[in-house]
Amino acid sequence: MLLVKLAFRNIFRQRRRSLLTGLSMGGGYLLLAFTLSLIEGSYNNLINIFTHDHTGHVQVHKGNYVDRPGIQKTMLRTSGIEKVLDKESTIIGWAPRIFGVGLGYGGEKSAPLSIVGIDPEQEKNTTKIFEKVHQGDYFTSEINPDGYYSAMIGHGVADMLKLSIGDEIVLISSGVDGSIANDIYIVKALVGNRASYDKMNVYLPLNAAQEFFSMFGKVHEYAVITAHSSDARSLAQSLTSAINNTEITVSPWQEVEETFYKSMKADKEGNKVTMGIVVFLICIGVLNTVLMSVLERTREFGVMLAVGTNRFTVMSMIILETAALGILSCLGGFIVSIPLIYWFTTVGITMPQAMDLGGILYDTMKGEMSVVVFALPALIIIGSAALVSLLPGIRAAQITPLDALSDR
């Protein structure tokens, strides 16, 4: 306790030098906190856009459908999976889906395309497909007065088949029972844009897709959305236990989109280099300041050693002084950073040019406000300062009283 009091007394006694060191560490804290907020916020926003766009946070399939998709790998909607999804309190929304491939015809043009069956209402509450409708109107599961189901198509399909809103599109494929599947649908809307991943997709109402593929009462996938993407793994484990069926596989988005996840993680790790440079510069500044302080106080340390002060005590006092100054500096940086990071998290920075991510516009860069954003920079600054002060502390402890008190 005495050493702590001495540490704070010496900090205030050396006001000018302490102020310069404190500003350096406080500025470093602010920069680290803002950088961390930017990194975490940007990646979490990208993950939210990606998962809410089409993958969901968790997906439920039969067997190894994720690795080897097949039209035969279906799940009965009456198998109890939907009851489990309804009971799970952490799930915000879920949607059943059907996937297939086929040929599309429009007029005299034809093209291979992907056919996706979705429940219009459940999909709208789970992903952002409703927001991706840029032309036409979002479809329903109802048959129009002429006896046709509606379809939504990607811009690639529209361009290749020369289709527009209200035109007919003919789809040909094979059913799950081996029969020939073919039918006519009315184009209700265009989804995404020409750069979207789903530009060659045709979306059908789930009941229409089940009829088309002869998959009555069956689906290929359940996409699940929860409160936060970080809960995906724990939710997947919980659902696996609740479903309790060895034929059913529950996968978090990190496994479903493994390439995207690994790329993002590698890029995130690369940002640590920037933070490391900031910490290094702070450490150099602190080392220089503390070393100069030790040199100026050589006589003081000589007197302390001459009256019997333990060398370890002298070293500990210098380390404590630096750590205490780091705590005060981080406290000041924390107070200044709160309104800045709060504004950055809630309002953000509008980008000069919006980025298109799968048909969703990403035009605002926002940060994240969390315990990690504020606590981690403090631990880094205080820990680095204490570590850097170890060298000057050892030097002060090795001073002999005779040398320290001489005129040399």
Protein backbone atom coordinates (compact mmCIF):
# COMPACT_ATOMS: atom_id res chain seq x y z
CA MET A 1 0.00 0.00 0.00
CA LEU A 2 2.88 2.34 0.83
CA LEU A 3 4.41 1.72 -2.60
CA VAL A 4 1.11 2.66 -4.27
CA LYS A 5 0.95 5.93 -2.34
CA LEU A 6 4.55 6.71 -3.27
CA ALA A 7 3.79 5.91 -6.91
CA PHE A 8 0.88 8.37 -7.09
CA ARG A 9 2.86 11.00 -5.16
CA ASN A 10 5.73 10.79 -7.62
CA ILE A 11 3.32 11.03 -10.56
CA PHE A 12 1.92 14.33 -9.32
CA ARG A 13 5.37 15.57 -8.32
CA GLN A 14 6.61 15.16 -11.89
CA ARG A 15 3.60 16.88 -13.42
CA ARG A 16 5.12 17.92 -16.75
CA ARG A 17 6.70 14.57 -17.57
CA SER A 18 3.69 12.65 -16.26
CA LEU A 19 1.37 14.80 -18.38
CA LEU A 20 3.33 14.06 -21.56
CA THR A 21 3.44 10.33 -20.85
CA GLY A 22 -0.22 10.33 -19.84
CA LEU A 23 -1.26 12.07 -23.05
CA SER A 24 0.71 9.52 -25.04
CA MET A 25 -0.93 6.56 -23.30
CA GLY A 26 -4.39 8.20 -23.24
CA GLY A 27 -4.15 8.95 -26.96
CA GLY A 28 -3.03 5.39 -27.57
CA TYR A 29 -6.02 4.06 -25.62
CA LEU A 30 -8.39 6.25 -27.65
CA LEU A 31 -6.84 5.14 -30.94
CA LEU A 32 -6.90 1.45 -29.98
CA ALA A 33 -10.50 1.63 -28.73
CA PHE A 34 -11.68 3.38 -31.89
CA THR A 35 -9.76 0.95 -34.13
CA LEU A 36 -11.14 -2.06 -32.28
CA SER A 37 -14.67 -0.63 -32.47
CA LEU A 38 -14.24 -0.08 -36.22
CA ILE A 39 -12.89 -3.61 -36.80
CA GLU A 40 -15.53 -5.38 -34.70
CA GLY A 41 -18.37 -3.20 -35.97
CA SER A 42 -17.42 -3.50 -39.64
CA TYR A 43 -17.06 -7.27 -39.55
CA ASN A 44 -20.22 -7.78 -37.51
CA ASN A 45 -22.16 -5.59 -39.95
CA LEU A 46 -20.79 -7.61 -42.88
CA ILE A 47 -21.71 -10.86 -41.13
CA ASN A 48 -25.22 -9.57 -40.44
CA ILE A 49 -25.67 -8.55 -44.08
CA PHE A 50 -24.30 -11.89 -45.26
CA THR A 51 -26.35 -14.09 -42.90
CA HIS A 52 -29.56 -12.09 -43.20
CA ASP A 53 -29.20 -12.05 -46.98
CA HIS A 54 -29.61 -15.78 -47.55
CA THR A 55 -27.67 -18.17 -45.29
CA GLY A 56 -29.22 -17.46 -41.90
CA HIS A 57 -27.25 -18.05 -38.71
CA VAL A 58 -27.99 -21.78 -38.59
CA GLN A 59 -29.14 -24.25 -41.24
CA VAL A 60 -30.84 -27.62 -40.83
CA HIS A 61 -30.39 -30.30 -43.52
CA LYS A 62 -30.55 -34.02 -44.01
CA GLY A 63 -27.18 -35.78 -43.80
CA ASN A 64 -24.30 -34.16 -45.69
CA TYR A 65 -26.46 -31.87 -47.83
CA VAL A 66 -24.14 -28.89 -47.22
CA ASP A 67 -21.16 -30.71 -48.75
CA ARG A 68 -23.04 -32.76 -51.36
CA PRO A 69 -26.45 -31.28 -52.20
CA GLY A 70 -28.97 -33.64 -53.74
CA ILE A 71 -32.64 -33.31 -54.58
CA GLN A 72 -33.34 -36.64 -52.83
CA LYS A 73 -32.03 -35.41 -49.46
CA THR A 74 -35.32 -34.13 -48.11
CA MET A 75 -36.95 -33.69 -44.71
CA LEU A 76 -40.64 -34.14 -43.92
CA ARG A 77 -42.22 -31.00 -42.50
CA THR A 78 -44.18 -33.24 -40.12
CA SER A 79 -40.99 -34.79 -38.66
CA GLY A 80 -41.05 -32.53 -35.60
CA ILE A 81 -38.21 -30.21 -36.63
CA GLU A 82 -40.54 -27.22 -37.00
CA LYS A 83 -41.94 -27.78 -33.49
CA VAL A 84 -38.39 -27.68 -32.11
CA LEU A 85 -37.69 -24.44 -33.99
CA ASP A 86 -40.90 -22.88 -32.66
CA LYS A 87 -40.04 -23.80 -29.06
CA GLU A 88 -36.47 -22.43 -29.11
CA SER A 89 -36.66 -19.03 -27.40
CA THR A 90 -33.46 -17.65 -28.95
CA ILE A 91 -34.74 -18.06 -32.52
CA ILE A 92 -36.11 -14.89 -34.10
CA GLY A 93 -37.25 -16.47 -37.35
CA TRP A 94 -36.93 -19.58 -39.51
CA ALA A 95 -37.84 -20.45 -43.08
CA PRO A 96 -38.17 -23.74 -45.04
CA ARG A 97 -36.61 -23.95 -48.51
CA ILE A 98 -36.42 -26.16 -51.58
CA PHE A 99 -33.55 -26.12 -54.09
CA GLY A 100 -33.29 -27.45 -57.59
CA VAL A 101 -31.91 -26.79 -61.06
CA GLY A 102 -33.61 -26.65 -64.41
CA LEU A 103 -34.04 -24.93 -67.76
CA GLY A 104 -35.92 -21.71 -68.15
CA TYR A 105 -37.63 -20.59 -71.34
CA GLY A 106 -38.83 -17.14 -72.27
CA GLY A 107 -39.98 -16.56 -75.82
CA GLU A 108 -37.30 -18.11 -78.03
CA LYS A 109 -34.53 -17.98 -75.39
CA SER A 110 -33.50 -20.66 -72.89
CA ALA A 111 -30.98 -20.77 -70.05
CA PRO A 112 -29.93 -23.07 -67.18
CA LEU A 113 -30.91 -21.65 -63.81
CA SER A 114 -31.41 -22.41 -60.13
CA ILE A 115 -34.91 -22.87 -58.74
CA VAL A 116 -35.52 -21.92 -55.11
CA GLY A 117 -38.78 -22.57 -53.31
CA ILE A 118 -39.46 -20.30 -50.32
CA ASP A 119 -42.38 -19.51 -48.05
CA PRO A 120 -43.11 -15.83 -48.90
CA GLU A 121 -44.04 -14.78 -45.35
CA GLN A 122 -41.55 -16.83 -43.35
CA GLU A 123 -38.68 -15.95 -45.70
CA LYS A 124 -39.52 -12.24 -45.44
CA ASN A 125 -39.29 -12.51 -41.63
CA THR A 126 -36.01 -14.44 -41.77
CA THR A 127 -33.89 -12.91 -44.53
CA LYS A 128 -33.82 -9.64 -46.47
CA ILE A 129 -35.18 -10.96 -49.74
CA PHE A 130 -38.11 -8.54 -49.47
CA GLU A 131 -35.63 -5.62 -49.52
CA LYS A 132 -33.96 -6.99 -52.66
CA VAL A 133 -37.08 -6.59 -54.79
CA HIS A 134 -36.13 -3.58 -56.91
CA GLN A 135 -38.71 -4.02 -59.68
CA GLY A 136 -42.23 -5.37 -59.41
CA ASP A 137 -43.95 -6.61 -56.26
CA TYR A 138 -43.06 -9.25 -53.73
CA PHE A 139 -44.97 -12.44 -54.53
CA THR A 140 -47.47 -14.53 -52.56
CA SER A 141 -48.37 -18.23 -52.41
CA GLU A 142 -51.72 -17.65 -54.13
CA ILE A 143 -52.66 -18.64 -57.67
CA ASN A 144 -53.74 -15.77 -59.90
CA PRO A 145 -57.19 -15.72 -61.61
CA ASP A 146 -55.69 -17.39 -64.70
CA GLY A 147 -54.41 -20.33 -62.63
CA TYR A 148 -50.71 -19.41 -62.56
CA TYR A 149 -48.31 -19.08 -59.64
CA SER A 150 -46.05 -16.02 -59.43
CA ALA A 151 -42.25 -16.16 -59.63
CA MET A 152 -39.44 -13.77 -58.81
CA ILE A 153 -36.32 -13.89 -60.99
CA GLY A 154 -32.76 -12.59 -60.81
CA HIS A 155 -31.50 -9.96 -63.22
CA GLY A 156 -29.32 -12.51 -65.00
CA VAL A 157 -32.38 -14.62 -65.82
CA ALA A 158 -34.27 -11.54 -66.98
CA ASP A 159 -31.41 -10.47 -69.26
CA MET A 160 -30.78 -13.89 -70.80
CA LEU A 161 -34.44 -14.73 -71.40
CA LYS A 162 -35.47 -11.17 -72.25
CA LEU A 163 -38.16 -11.16 -69.57
CA SER A 164 -39.87 -8.31 -67.74
CA ILE A 165 -42.60 -7.94 -65.14
CA GLY A 166 -45.80 -9.74 -66.19
CA ASP A 167 -44.12 -12.08 -68.71
CA GLU A 168 -44.41 -15.85 -68.63
CA ILE A 169 -41.44 -18.07 -67.78
CA VAL A 170 -41.48 -21.81 -68.52
CA LEU A 171 -39.47 -24.07 -66.20
CA ILE A 172 -38.43 -27.63 -67.02
CA SER A 173 -36.65 -29.99 -64.61
CA SER A 174 -37.09 -33.44 -63.04
CA GLY A 175 -39.07 -34.27 -59.93
CA VAL A 176 -37.79 -36.07 -56.87
CA ASP A 177 -39.65 -39.18 -58.08
CA GLY A 178 -37.96 -39.09 -61.49
CA SER A 179 -40.91 -37.56 -63.31
CA ILE A 180 -40.57 -34.66 -65.75
CA ALA A 181 -41.34 -31.34 -64.06
CA ASN A 182 -42.60 -28.46 -66.18
CA ASP A 183 -44.89 -25.52 -65.62
CA ILE A 184 -45.53 -21.88 -66.51
CA TYR A 185 -45.16 -19.01 -64.03
CA ILE A 186 -45.78 -15.27 -64.19
CA VAL A 187 -42.82 -12.97 -63.45
CA LYS A 188 -43.87 -10.88 -60.47
CA ALA A 189 -40.59 -9.19 -59.50
CA LEU A 190 -36.89 -8.82 -60.26
CA VAL A 191 -34.57 -9.55 -57.34
CA GLY A 192 -31.17 -8.01 -56.58
CA ASN A 193 -29.07 -6.68 -59.45
CA ARG A 194 -26.74 -7.90 -62.18
CA ALA A 195 -23.89 -8.46 -59.72
CA SER A 196 -25.89 -10.39 -57.12
CA TYR A 197 -25.04 -13.98 -56.27
CA ASP A 198 -28.68 -14.89 -57.02
CA LYS A 199 -28.81 -13.30 -60.47
CA MET A 200 -29.54 -16.73 -62.04
CA ASN A 201 -32.16 -17.73 -59.44
CA VAL A 202 -35.87 -18.20 -59.95
CA TYR A 203 -37.85 -17.97 -56.71
CA LEU A 204 -41.13 -19.89 -56.46
CA PRO A 205 -43.62 -19.99 -53.58
CA LEU A 206 -42.87 -23.05 -51.44
CA ASN A 207 -46.16 -24.80 -52.27
CA ALA A 208 -45.58 -24.20 -56.00
CA ALA A 209 -42.02 -25.59 -55.75
CA GLN A 210 -43.30 -28.66 -53.89
CA GLU A 211 -45.78 -29.31 -56.67
CA PHE A 212 -43.17 -28.70 -59.35
CA PHE A 213 -40.60 -31.12 -57.88
CA SER A 214 -43.22 -33.62 -56.57
CA MET A 215 -41.96 -32.94 -53.03
CA PHE A 216 -45.30 -32.64 -51.25
CA GLY A 217 -44.73 -32.00 -47.55
CA LYS A 218 -40.93 -32.06 -47.92
CA VAL A 219 -38.12 -29.49 -47.89
CA HIS A 220 -34.35 -29.43 -48.30
CA GLU A 221 -33.41 -26.82 -45.74
CA TYR A 222 -34.45 -24.75 -42.75
CA ALA A 223 -32.70 -21.39 -42.41
CA VAL A 224 -32.69 -20.01 -38.86
CA ILE A 225 -32.03 -16.49 -37.58
CA THR A 226 -31.10 -15.73 -33.98
CA ALA A 227 -30.36 -12.52 -32.07
CA HIS A 228 -26.64 -12.42 -32.82
CA SER A 229 -24.34 -14.26 -35.21
CA SER A 230 -22.01 -15.19 -32.33
CA ASP A 231 -24.78 -17.40 -30.88
CA ALA A 232 -24.83 -19.62 -33.99
CA ARG A 233 -22.57 -22.41 -32.70
CA SER A 234 -24.32 -22.74 -29.34
CA LEU A 235 -27.74 -22.68 -31.03
CA ALA A 236 -26.63 -25.38 -33.48
CA GLN A 237 -25.59 -27.62 -30.57
CA SER A 238 -28.86 -26.93 -28.75
CA LEU A 239 -30.95 -27.77 -31.83
CA THR A 240 -28.95 -30.93 -32.49
CA SER A 241 -29.77 -32.18 -28.99
CA ALA A 242 -33.43 -31.15 -29.25
CA ILE A 243 -34.03 -32.73 -32.68
CA ASN A 244 -32.16 -35.88 -31.62
CA ASN A 245 -32.06 -37.44 -35.09
CA THR A 246 -28.80 -38.82 -36.49
CA GLU A 247 -30.00 -38.24 -40.06
CA ILE A 248 -30.45 -34.49 -39.46
CA THR A 249 -27.44 -32.14 -39.50
CA VAL A 250 -27.56 -28.71 -37.87
CA SER A 251 -24.79 -26.39 -39.08
CA PRO A 252 -23.84 -22.85 -37.97
CA TRP A 253 -23.12 -20.29 -40.68
CA GLN A 254 -19.36 -20.65 -40.00
CA GLU A 255 -19.56 -24.19 -41.41
CA VAL A 256 -22.10 -23.52 -44.14
CA GLU A 257 -20.02 -20.64 -45.53
CA GLU A 258 -16.61 -21.88 -44.40
CA THR A 259 -14.65 -20.09 -47.13
CA PHE A 260 -16.20 -16.71 -46.32
CA TYR A 261 -15.64 -17.26 -42.59
CA LYS A 262 -11.98 -18.22 -43.00
CA SER A 263 -11.31 -15.28 -45.34
CA MET A 264 -12.92 -12.85 -42.94
CA LYS A 265 -11.03 -14.32 -39.99
CA ALA A 266 -7.70 -14.08 -41.83
CA ASP A 267 -8.39 -10.46 -42.76
CA LYS A 268 -9.34 -9.72 -39.16
CA GLU A 269 -6.08 -11.23 -37.94
CA GLY A 270 -4.20 -8.99 -40.36
CA ASN A 271 -5.67 -5.93 -38.66
CA LYS A 272 -3.86 -6.91 -35.49
CA VAL A 273 -0.63 -5.79 -37.18
CA THR A 274 -1.96 -2.22 -37.22
CA MET A 275 -2.81 -2.42 -33.54
CA GLY A 276 0.61 -3.90 -32.83
CA ILE A 277 2.32 -0.91 -34.51
CA VAL A 278 0.28 1.50 -32.36
CA VAL A 279 1.22 -0.39 -29.19
CA PHE A 280 4.89 -0.44 -30.25
CA LEU A 281 4.95 3.33 -30.74
CA ILE A 282 3.32 3.85 -27.35
CA CYS A 283 5.87 1.54 -25.71
CA ILE A 284 8.78 3.46 -27.26
CA GLY A 285 7.38 6.74 -25.95
CA VAL A 286 6.80 5.33 -22.45
CA LEU A 287 10.26 3.71 -22.35
CA ASN A 288 11.94 6.98 -23.31
CA THR A 289 9.99 8.97 -20.73
CA VAL A 290 10.49 6.50 -17.87
CA LEU A 291 14.19 6.09 -18.67
CA MET A 292 14.72 9.85 -18.60
CA SER A 293 12.84 10.03 -15.32
CA VAL A 294 15.11 7.36 -13.81
CA LEU A 295 18.23 9.22 -14.94
CA GLU A 296 16.96 12.49 -13.41
CA ARG A 297 16.15 10.77 -10.11
CA THR A 298 19.45 8.92 -9.76
CA ARG A 299 20.35 10.80 -6.56
CA GLU A 300 16.92 10.11 -5.11
CA PHE A 301 17.34 6.39 -5.67
CA GLY A 302 20.85 6.57 -4.24
CA VAL A 303 19.53 8.09 -1.01
CA MET A 304 16.80 5.45 -0.79
CA LEU A 305 19.33 2.66 -1.21
CA ALA A 306 21.73 4.31 1.26
CA VAL A 307 19.10 4.31 4.02
CA GLY A 308 18.42 0.63 3.51
CA THR A 309 15.61 0.47 0.94
CA ASN A 310 15.43 -2.91 -0.75
CA ARG A 311 16.50 -2.91 -4.42
CA PHE A 312 13.38 -4.85 -5.36
CA THR A 313 11.30 -2.12 -3.71
CA VAL A 314 12.96 0.55 -5.87
CA MET A 315 12.25 -1.46 -9.02
CA SER A 316 8.65 -2.15 -7.93
CA MET A 317 8.05 1.53 -7.23
CA ILE A 318 9.04 2.53 -10.78
CA ILE A 319 6.86 -0.19 -12.32
CA LEU A 320 3.93 0.81 -10.11
CA GLU A 321 4.38 4.47 -11.03
CA THR A 322 4.17 3.65 -14.72
CA ALA A 323 1.22 1.27 -14.24
CA ALA A 324 -0.63 3.86 -12.10
CA LEU A 325 -0.03 6.52 -14.76
CA GLY A 326 -1.34 4.05 -17.33
CA ILE A 327 -4.52 3.52 -15.28
CA LEU A 328 -5.13 7.27 -14.98
CA SER A 329 -4.42 7.76 -18.69
CA CYS A 330 -6.78 4.96 -19.71
CA LEU A 331 -9.46 6.39 -17.43
CA GLY A 332 -9.14 9.73 -19.20
CA GLY A 333 -9.13 8.03 -22.60
CA PHE A 334 -12.21 6.01 -21.61
CA ILE A 335 -14.17 9.15 -20.67
CA VAL A 336 -13.26 10.83 -23.97
CA SER A 337 -13.91 7.73 -26.09
CA ILE A 338 -17.44 6.97 -24.80
CA PRO A 339 -19.28 9.74 -26.72
CA LEU A 340 -17.09 9.26 -29.80
CA ILE A 341 -17.65 5.50 -30.05
CA TYR A 342 -21.33 5.86 -29.12
CA TRP A 343 -21.81 8.25 -32.03
CA PHE A 344 -19.83 5.99 -34.34
CA THR A 345 -21.94 2.98 -33.30
CA THR A 346 -25.36 4.62 -33.59
CA VAL A 347 -24.83 7.09 -36.45
CA GLY A 348 -21.69 5.89 -38.22
CA ILE A 349 -19.86 7.30 -41.21
CA THR A 350 -21.66 7.45 -44.54
CA MET A 351 -19.46 6.08 -47.31
CA PRO A 352 -18.94 8.23 -50.45
CA GLN A 353 -20.05 5.32 -52.59
CA ALA A 354 -22.24 2.47 -51.38
CA MET A 355 -21.03 -1.11 -51.80
CA ASP A 356 -23.37 -3.75 -53.16
CA LEU A 357 -23.28 -6.97 -51.19
CA GLY A 358 -25.50 -9.54 -52.83
CA GLY A 359 -28.10 -6.96 -53.79
CA ILE A 360 -28.03 -5.24 -50.38
CA LEU A 361 -26.46 -1.79 -50.29
CA TYR A 362 -23.79 -1.25 -47.60
CA ASP A 363 -23.45 2.50 -47.33
CA THR A 364 -22.73 3.24 -43.66
CA MET A 365 -19.67 2.21 -41.70
CA LYS A 366 -20.50 1.68 -38.04
CA GLY A 367 -18.54 0.59 -34.99
CA GLU A 368 -19.40 -1.57 -32.03
CA MET A 369 -19.79 -0.58 -28.40
CA SER A 370 -18.94 -3.46 -26.06
CA VAL A 371 -16.94 -4.37 -22.98
CA VAL A 372 -14.15 -5.78 -25.14
CA VAL A 373 -13.81 -2.51 -27.09
CA PHE A 374 -13.13 -0.57 -23.88
CA ALA A 375 -11.42 -3.20 -21.71
CA LEU A 376 -8.92 -4.69 -24.15
CA PRO A 377 -7.12 -1.39 -24.99
CA ALA A 378 -6.82 -0.65 -21.26
CA LEU A 379 -5.24 -4.04 -20.58
CA ILE A 380 -2.87 -3.59 -23.53
CA ILE A 381 -1.81 -0.06 -22.54
CA ILE A 382 -1.36 -0.75 -18.82
CA GLY A 383 0.32 -4.12 -19.39
CA SER A 384 2.66 -2.74 -22.05
CA ALA A 385 3.57 0.28 -19.91
CA ALA A 386 4.36 -1.92 -16.90
CA LEU A 387 6.41 -4.28 -19.07
CA VAL A 388 8.39 -1.47 -20.70
CA SER A 389 9.13 0.10 -17.30
CA LEU A 390 10.80 -3.12 -16.19
CA LEU A 391 14.09 -2.18 -17.89
CA PRO A 392 14.39 1.29 -16.27
CA GLY A 393 13.32 -0.30 -12.98
CA ILE A 394 16.12 -2.85 -13.14
CA ARG A 395 18.60 -0.09 -13.98
CA ALA A 396 17.47 1.98 -10.99
CA ALA A 397 17.72 -1.04 -8.68
CA GLN A 398 21.32 -1.70 -9.80
CA ILE A 399 22.54 1.81 -8.93
CA THR A 400 25.09 1.89 -6.10
CA PRO A 401 24.62 4.61 -3.43
CA LEU A 402 28.23 5.82 -3.91
CA ASP A 403 27.82 6.37 -7.65
CA ALA A 404 24.39 7.92 -7.28
CA LEU A 405 25.49 10.46 -4.65
CA SER A 406 28.82 11.39 -6.28
CA ASP A 407 29.18 14.51 -8.41
CA ARG A 408 29.95 12.52 -11.54
